[in-house]
Amino acid sequence: MPKIVDYENKKQEIIEKAKEVFAKRGYYNTSLSHISHKCGMGRTTIYQYFKNKDEIFYYSVEAILVDLQLKVEAIIGDEELTFLEKLKKLVFELTNEYEHNYIFVLLAEIWIVLQRENNDLLNKLRKYTEDLKKSINKLIAQGIESKEIKPIDSESMADTIYSFIESFTFQSNVNGDMDVERQLNSVNILIDGLRA
């Protein structure tokens, strides 16, 4: 009797394995052979689910962005945390996530390539970045409104915090022996300085 394969589950399994390969090897140094090897299947089998490496990458990045957005929304919606605690947790979760799977470096690599063309993936990356900054800005603005955070330019501070997250992830990948806890303590001091 032939083996029945759930098409969507298998496709999702390939995406999950491909995320690991892209994160470790980078976009350019990843081949379909690398992905098929990680999945334990032949390249021809991969073609039953995806047209090429670019399509696998597209789905992988999209899955990462959805996961991260859900994480951000969960932190923002946590009623038990103060606004400053939410900001700290947001920074911790995003830098911790990226430190382990190099996603920011991968996104930056493809961002540079995609700048030459206007396509759907680049637009999604731009929207994700803008949405994340808006979420941080909204948290700061709500903190100001509730008098937990002193009156500041919330948009500028959101850009500063986002830039830290971005910079932190690049540096942690370039400088493998970076003291993560020390860096997070520094940004927490910055966030504590917002207290009204």
C-alpha atoms as a PDB file:
ATOM      1  CA  MET A   1       0.000   0.000   0.000  1.00  0.00           C
ATOM      2  CA  PRO A   2       1.486   3.423  -0.957  1.00  0.00           C
ATOM      3  CA  LYS A   3       2.506   5.786   1.812  1.00  0.00           C
ATOM      4  CA  ILE A   4       0.081   8.715   2.209  1.00  0.00           C
ATOM      5  CA  VAL A   5       1.840  12.026   2.720  1.00  0.00           C
ATOM      6  CA  ASP A   6       0.075  15.109   4.031  1.00  0.00           C
ATOM      7  CA  TYR A   7       1.184  17.674   1.449  1.00  0.00           C
ATOM      8  CA  GLU A   8       0.834  20.773   3.655  1.00  0.00           C
ATOM      9  CA  ASN A   9       2.527  19.162   6.668  1.00  0.00           C
ATOM     10  CA  LYS A  10       5.452  18.019   4.530  1.00  0.00           C
ATOM     11  CA  LYS A  11       5.740  21.490   2.988  1.00  0.00           C
ATOM     12  CA  GLN A  12       5.808  23.021   6.490  1.00  0.00           C
ATOM     13  CA  GLU A  13       8.444  20.510   7.572  1.00  0.00           C
ATOM     14  CA  ILE A  14      10.641  21.524   4.617  1.00  0.00           C
ATOM     15  CA  ILE A  15      10.201  25.216   5.506  1.00  0.00           C
ATOM     16  CA  GLU A  16      11.223  24.577   9.142  1.00  0.00           C
ATOM     17  CA  LYS A  17      14.353  22.669   8.129  1.00  0.00           C
ATOM     18  CA  ALA A  18      15.174  25.225   5.416  1.00  0.00           C
ATOM     19  CA  LYS A  19      15.023  28.074   7.982  1.00  0.00           C
ATOM     20  CA  GLU A  20      17.827  26.365   9.894  1.00  0.00           C
ATOM     21  CA  VAL A  21      19.931  25.876   6.761  1.00  0.00           C
ATOM     22  CA  PHE A  22      19.441  29.470   5.553  1.00  0.00           C
ATOM     23  CA  ALA A  23      20.223  30.791   9.037  1.00  0.00           C
ATOM     24  CA  LYS A  24      23.473  28.824   9.295  1.00  0.00           C
ATOM     25  CA  ARG A  25      24.731  29.114   5.715  1.00  0.00           C
ATOM     26  CA  GLY A  26      23.191  32.370   4.510  1.00  0.00           C
ATOM     27  CA  TYR A  27      21.051  32.772   1.428  1.00  0.00           C
ATOM     28  CA  TYR A  28      23.851  32.666  -1.153  1.00  0.00           C
ATOM     29  CA  ASN A  29      25.728  29.739   0.366  1.00  0.00           C
ATOM     30  CA  THR A  30      22.613  27.590   0.576  1.00  0.00           C
ATOM     31  CA  SER A  31      21.764  25.259  -2.258  1.00  0.00           C
ATOM     32  CA  LEU A  32      18.760  23.055  -2.846  1.00  0.00           C
ATOM     33  CA  SER A  33      21.084  20.123  -2.088  1.00  0.00           C
ATOM     34  CA  HIS A  34      21.782  21.533   1.387  1.00  0.00           C
ATOM     35  CA  ILE A  35      18.058  21.839   2.065  1.00  0.00           C
ATOM     36  CA  SER A  36      17.192  18.401   0.687  1.00  0.00           C
ATOM     37  CA  HIS A  37      20.002  16.832   2.740  1.00  0.00           C
ATOM     38  CA  LYS A  38      18.714  18.519   5.927  1.00  0.00           C
ATOM     39  CA  CYS A  39      15.215  17.236   5.117  1.00  0.00           C
ATOM     40  CA  GLY A  40      16.457  13.733   4.416  1.00  0.00           C
ATOM     41  CA  MET A  41      15.012  13.661   0.915  1.00  0.00           C
ATOM     42  CA  GLY A  42      16.211  13.991  -2.647  1.00  0.00           C
ATOM     43  CA  ARG A  43      16.201  17.256  -4.595  1.00  0.00           C
ATOM     44  CA  THR A  44      13.586  15.905  -6.974  1.00  0.00           C
ATOM     45  CA  THR A  45      11.262  15.289  -4.018  1.00  0.00           C
ATOM     46  CA  ILE A  46      11.692  18.922  -2.900  1.00  0.00           C
ATOM     47  CA  TYR A  47      10.534  20.011  -6.377  1.00  0.00           C
ATOM     48  CA  GLN A  48       7.177  18.370  -5.657  1.00  0.00           C
ATOM     49  CA  TYR A  49       6.631  21.071  -3.019  1.00  0.00           C
ATOM     50  CA  PHE A  50       8.599  24.110  -4.217  1.00  0.00           C
ATOM     51  CA  LYS A  51       9.734  25.485  -7.579  1.00  0.00           C
ATOM     52  CA  ASN A  52      13.204  26.514  -6.426  1.00  0.00           C
ATOM     53  CA  LYS A  53      15.384  27.782  -3.582  1.00  0.00           C
ATOM     54  CA  ASP A  54      13.928  31.287  -3.879  1.00  0.00           C
ATOM     55  CA  GLU A  55      10.406  30.029  -3.252  1.00  0.00           C
ATOM     56  CA  ILE A  56      11.557  28.043  -0.202  1.00  0.00           C
ATOM     57  CA  PHE A  57      13.338  31.148   1.071  1.00  0.00           C
ATOM     58  CA  TYR A  58      10.242  33.283   0.526  1.00  0.00           C
ATOM     59  CA  TYR A  59       8.066  30.896   2.564  1.00  0.00           C
ATOM     60  CA  SER A  60      10.753  30.570   5.248  1.00  0.00           C
ATOM     61  CA  VAL A  61      11.050  34.327   5.729  1.00  0.00           C
ATOM     62  CA  GLU A  62       7.296  34.724   5.736  1.00  0.00           C
ATOM     63  CA  ALA A  63       6.981  32.057   8.468  1.00  0.00           C
ATOM     64  CA  ILE A  64       9.669  33.793  10.546  1.00  0.00           C
ATOM     65  CA  LEU A  65       7.958  37.172  10.256  1.00  0.00           C
ATOM     66  CA  VAL A  66       4.591  35.718  11.277  1.00  0.00           C
ATOM     67  CA  ASP A  67       6.157  33.987  14.309  1.00  0.00           C
ATOM     68  CA  LEU A  68       7.915  37.163  15.411  1.00  0.00           C
ATOM     69  CA  GLN A  69       4.799  39.281  14.970  1.00  0.00           C
ATOM     70  CA  LEU A  70       2.812  36.873  17.157  1.00  0.00           C
ATOM     71  CA  LYS A  71       5.513  37.106  19.832  1.00  0.00           C
ATOM     72  CA  VAL A  72       5.425  40.922  19.743  1.00  0.00           C
ATOM     73  CA  GLU A  73       1.621  40.980  19.967  1.00  0.00           C
ATOM     74  CA  ALA A  74       1.656  38.585  22.944  1.00  0.00           C
ATOM     75  CA  ILE A  75       4.101  40.820  24.829  1.00  0.00           C
ATOM     76  CA  ILE A  76       2.151  43.981  24.049  1.00  0.00           C
ATOM     77  CA  GLY A  77      -1.107  42.340  25.132  1.00  0.00           C
ATOM     78  CA  ASP A  78       0.268  41.058  28.458  1.00  0.00           C
ATOM     79  CA  GLU A  79      -1.788  43.027  30.983  1.00  0.00           C
ATOM     80  CA  GLU A  80       0.384  41.901  33.909  1.00  0.00           C
ATOM     81  CA  LEU A  81       3.427  43.826  32.680  1.00  0.00           C
ATOM     82  CA  THR A  82       4.061  47.556  32.968  1.00  0.00           C
ATOM     83  CA  PHE A  83       4.952  49.431  29.788  1.00  0.00           C
ATOM     84  CA  LEU A  84       8.636  49.507  30.726  1.00  0.00           C
ATOM     85  CA  GLU A  85       8.588  45.758  31.452  1.00  0.00           C
ATOM     86  CA  LYS A  86       6.959  45.160  28.055  1.00  0.00           C
ATOM     87  CA  LEU A  87       9.707  47.165  26.340  1.00  0.00           C
ATOM     88  CA  LYS A  88      12.399  45.193  28.168  1.00  0.00           C
ATOM     89  CA  LYS A  89      10.749  41.877  27.384  1.00  0.00           C
ATOM     90  CA  LEU A  90      10.309  42.849  23.739  1.00  0.00           C
ATOM     91  CA  VAL A  91      14.004  43.670  23.392  1.00  0.00           C
ATOM     92  CA  PHE A  92      15.005  40.491  25.232  1.00  0.00           C
ATOM     93  CA  GLU A  93      12.758  38.205  23.179  1.00  0.00           C
ATOM     94  CA  LEU A  94      13.775  39.672  19.828  1.00  0.00           C
ATOM     95  CA  THR A  95      17.505  39.710  20.531  1.00  0.00           C
ATOM     96  CA  ASN A  96      17.385  36.271  22.137  1.00  0.00           C
ATOM     97  CA  GLU A  97      15.485  34.855  19.164  1.00  0.00           C
ATOM     98  CA  TYR A  98      17.871  36.344  16.625  1.00  0.00           C
ATOM     99  CA  GLU A  99      20.968  35.413  18.590  1.00  0.00           C
ATOM    100  CA  HIS A 100      20.076  31.750  18.317  1.00  0.00           C
ATOM    101  CA  ASN A 101      19.042  31.519  14.688  1.00  0.00           C
ATOM    102  CA  TYR A 102      20.773  34.457  12.959  1.00  0.00           C
ATOM    103  CA  ILE A 103      17.552  35.602  11.347  1.00  0.00           C
ATOM    104  CA  PHE A 104      18.359  39.311  11.391  1.00  0.00           C
ATOM    105  CA  VAL A 105      21.632  38.687   9.564  1.00  0.00           C
ATOM    106  CA  LEU A 106      19.808  36.554   7.030  1.00  0.00           C
ATOM    107  CA  LEU A 107      17.132  39.210   6.542  1.00  0.00           C
ATOM    108  CA  ALA A 108      19.780  41.892   6.141  1.00  0.00           C
ATOM    109  CA  GLU A 109      21.592  39.805   3.538  1.00  0.00           C
ATOM    110  CA  ILE A 110      18.487  39.375   1.417  1.00  0.00           C
ATOM    111  CA  TRP A 111      17.360  42.973   2.065  1.00  0.00           C
ATOM    112  CA  ILE A 112      20.468  44.227   0.254  1.00  0.00           C
ATOM    113  CA  VAL A 113      19.796  41.988  -2.732  1.00  0.00           C
ATOM    114  CA  LEU A 114      16.116  42.831  -2.911  1.00  0.00           C
ATOM    115  CA  GLN A 115      16.762  46.585  -2.882  1.00  0.00           C
ATOM    116  CA  ARG A 116      17.485  46.289  -6.609  1.00  0.00           C
ATOM    117  CA  GLU A 117      13.980  45.136  -7.355  1.00  0.00           C
ATOM    118  CA  ASN A 118      10.514  45.807  -6.060  1.00  0.00           C
ATOM    119  CA  ASN A 119       8.981  42.526  -5.046  1.00  0.00           C
ATOM    120  CA  ASP A 120       6.547  41.081  -2.555  1.00  0.00           C
ATOM    121  CA  LEU A 121       9.182  39.758  -0.129  1.00  0.00           C
ATOM    122  CA  LEU A 122      10.921  43.138   0.125  1.00  0.00           C
ATOM    123  CA  ASN A 123       7.567  44.802   0.731  1.00  0.00           C
ATOM    124  CA  LYS A 124       6.813  42.295   3.523  1.00  0.00           C
ATOM    125  CA  LEU A 125      10.208  42.960   5.121  1.00  0.00           C
ATOM    126  CA  ARG A 126       9.601  46.706   4.998  1.00  0.00           C
ATOM    127  CA  LYS A 127       6.124  46.279   6.470  1.00  0.00           C
ATOM    128  CA  TYR A 128       7.441  44.041   9.264  1.00  0.00           C
ATOM    129  CA  THR A 129      10.122  46.594  10.175  1.00  0.00           C
ATOM    130  CA  GLU A 130       7.605  49.433  10.165  1.00  0.00           C
ATOM    131  CA  ASP A 131       5.062  47.414  12.164  1.00  0.00           C
ATOM    132  CA  LEU A 132       7.668  46.550  14.788  1.00  0.00           C
ATOM    133  CA  LYS A 133       8.693  50.201  15.133  1.00  0.00           C
ATOM    134  CA  LYS A 134       5.002  51.201  15.373  1.00  0.00           C
ATOM    135  CA  SER A 135       4.454  48.603  18.107  1.00  0.00           C
ATOM    136  CA  ILE A 136       7.390  49.967  20.106  1.00  0.00           C
ATOM    137  CA  ASN A 137       6.205  53.545  19.489  1.00  0.00           C
ATOM    138  CA  LYS A 138       2.678  52.638  20.632  1.00  0.00           C
ATOM    139  CA  LEU A 139       4.021  51.048  23.831  1.00  0.00           C
ATOM    140  CA  ILE A 140       6.054  54.162  24.614  1.00  0.00           C
ATOM    141  CA  ALA A 141       3.117  56.482  23.802  1.00  0.00           C
ATOM    142  CA  GLN A 142       0.809  54.450  26.065  1.00  0.00           C
ATOM    143  CA  GLY A 143       3.432  54.582  28.813  1.00  0.00           C
ATOM    144  CA  ILE A 144       3.608  58.375  28.463  1.00  0.00           C
ATOM    145  CA  GLU A 145      -0.183  58.639  28.539  1.00  0.00           C
ATOM    146  CA  SER A 146      -0.345  56.529  31.709  1.00  0.00           C
ATOM    147  CA  LYS A 147       2.415  58.703  33.249  1.00  0.00           C
ATOM    148  CA  GLU A 148       4.729  55.687  33.654  1.00  0.00           C
ATOM    149  CA  ILE A 149       7.101  57.108  31.028  1.00  0.00           C
ATOM    150  CA  LYS A 150       8.223  60.723  30.990  1.00  0.00           C
ATOM    151  CA  PRO A 151       7.192  62.875  28.016  1.00  0.00           C
ATOM    152  CA  ILE A 152       9.619  62.148  25.160  1.00  0.00           C
ATOM    153  CA  ASP A 153       9.570  61.838  21.376  1.00  0.00           C
ATOM    154  CA  SER A 154       8.104  58.305  21.268  1.00  0.00           C
ATOM    155  CA  GLU A 155       8.809  57.821  17.559  1.00  0.00           C
ATOM    156  CA  SER A 156      12.482  58.717  17.923  1.00  0.00           C
ATOM    157  CA  MET A 157      12.844  56.456  20.966  1.00  0.00           C
ATOM    158  CA  ALA A 158      11.129  53.600  19.095  1.00  0.00           C
ATOM    159  CA  ASP A 159      13.683  54.035  16.278  1.00  0.00           C
ATOM    160  CA  THR A 160      16.502  54.002  18.856  1.00  0.00           C
ATOM    161  CA  ILE A 161      15.269  50.794  20.489  1.00  0.00           C
ATOM    162  CA  TYR A 162      14.711  49.123  17.116  1.00  0.00           C
ATOM    163  CA  SER A 163      18.207  50.170  16.017  1.00  0.00           C
ATOM    164  CA  PHE A 164      19.625  48.577  19.162  1.00  0.00           C
ATOM    165  CA  ILE A 165      17.860  45.284  18.370  1.00  0.00           C
ATOM    166  CA  GLU A 166      19.172  45.357  14.809  1.00  0.00           C
ATOM    167  CA  SER A 167      22.714  46.341  15.820  1.00  0.00           C
ATOM    168  CA  PHE A 168      22.800  43.842  18.673  1.00  0.00           C
ATOM    169  CA  THR A 169      21.945  40.953  16.395  1.00  0.00           C
ATOM    170  CA  PHE A 170      24.561  41.899  13.808  1.00  0.00           C
ATOM    171  CA  GLN A 171      27.253  42.277  16.451  1.00  0.00           C
ATOM    172  CA  SER A 172      26.362  39.026  18.186  1.00  0.00           C
ATOM    173  CA  ASN A 173      26.871  37.209  14.884  1.00  0.00           C
ATOM    174  CA  VAL A 174      30.125  38.969  14.026  1.00  0.00           C
ATOM    175  CA  ASN A 175      31.524  38.958  17.557  1.00  0.00           C
ATOM    176  CA  GLY A 176      30.761  35.464  18.855  1.00  0.00           C
ATOM    177  CA  ASP A 177      32.169  36.124  22.332  1.00  0.00           C
ATOM    178  CA  MET A 178      29.994  39.179  22.949  1.00  0.00           C
ATOM    179  CA  ASP A 179      28.637  39.424  26.493  1.00  0.00           C
ATOM    180  CA  VAL A 180      24.896  39.236  25.780  1.00  0.00           C
ATOM    181  CA  GLU A 181      23.812  39.881  29.349  1.00  0.00           C
ATOM    182  CA  ARG A 182      25.985  43.005  29.546  1.00  0.00           C
ATOM    183  CA  GLN A 183      24.468  44.390  26.339  1.00  0.00           C
ATOM    184  CA  LEU A 184      20.918  43.705  27.522  1.00  0.00           C
ATOM    185  CA  ASN A 185      21.684  45.341  30.870  1.00  0.00           C
ATOM    186  CA  SER A 186      22.805  48.454  28.996  1.00  0.00           C
ATOM    187  CA  VAL A 187      19.571  48.733  27.034  1.00  0.00           C
ATOM    188  CA  ASN A 188      17.576  48.063  30.212  1.00  0.00           C
ATOM    189  CA  ILE A 189      19.324  51.052  31.804  1.00  0.00           C
ATOM    190  CA  LEU A 190      18.233  53.113  28.794  1.00  0.00           C
ATOM    191  CA  ILE A 191      14.643  51.885  29.196  1.00  0.00           C
ATOM    192  CA  ASP A 192      14.682  52.516  32.968  1.00  0.00           C
ATOM    193  CA  GLY A 193      15.767  56.082  32.166  1.00  0.00           C
ATOM    194  CA  LEU A 194      12.363  56.612  30.516  1.00  0.00           C
ATOM    195  CA  ARG A 195      10.578  56.212  33.846  1.00  0.00           C
ATOM    196  CA  ALA A 196       8.519  59.272  34.787  1.00  0.00           C
END
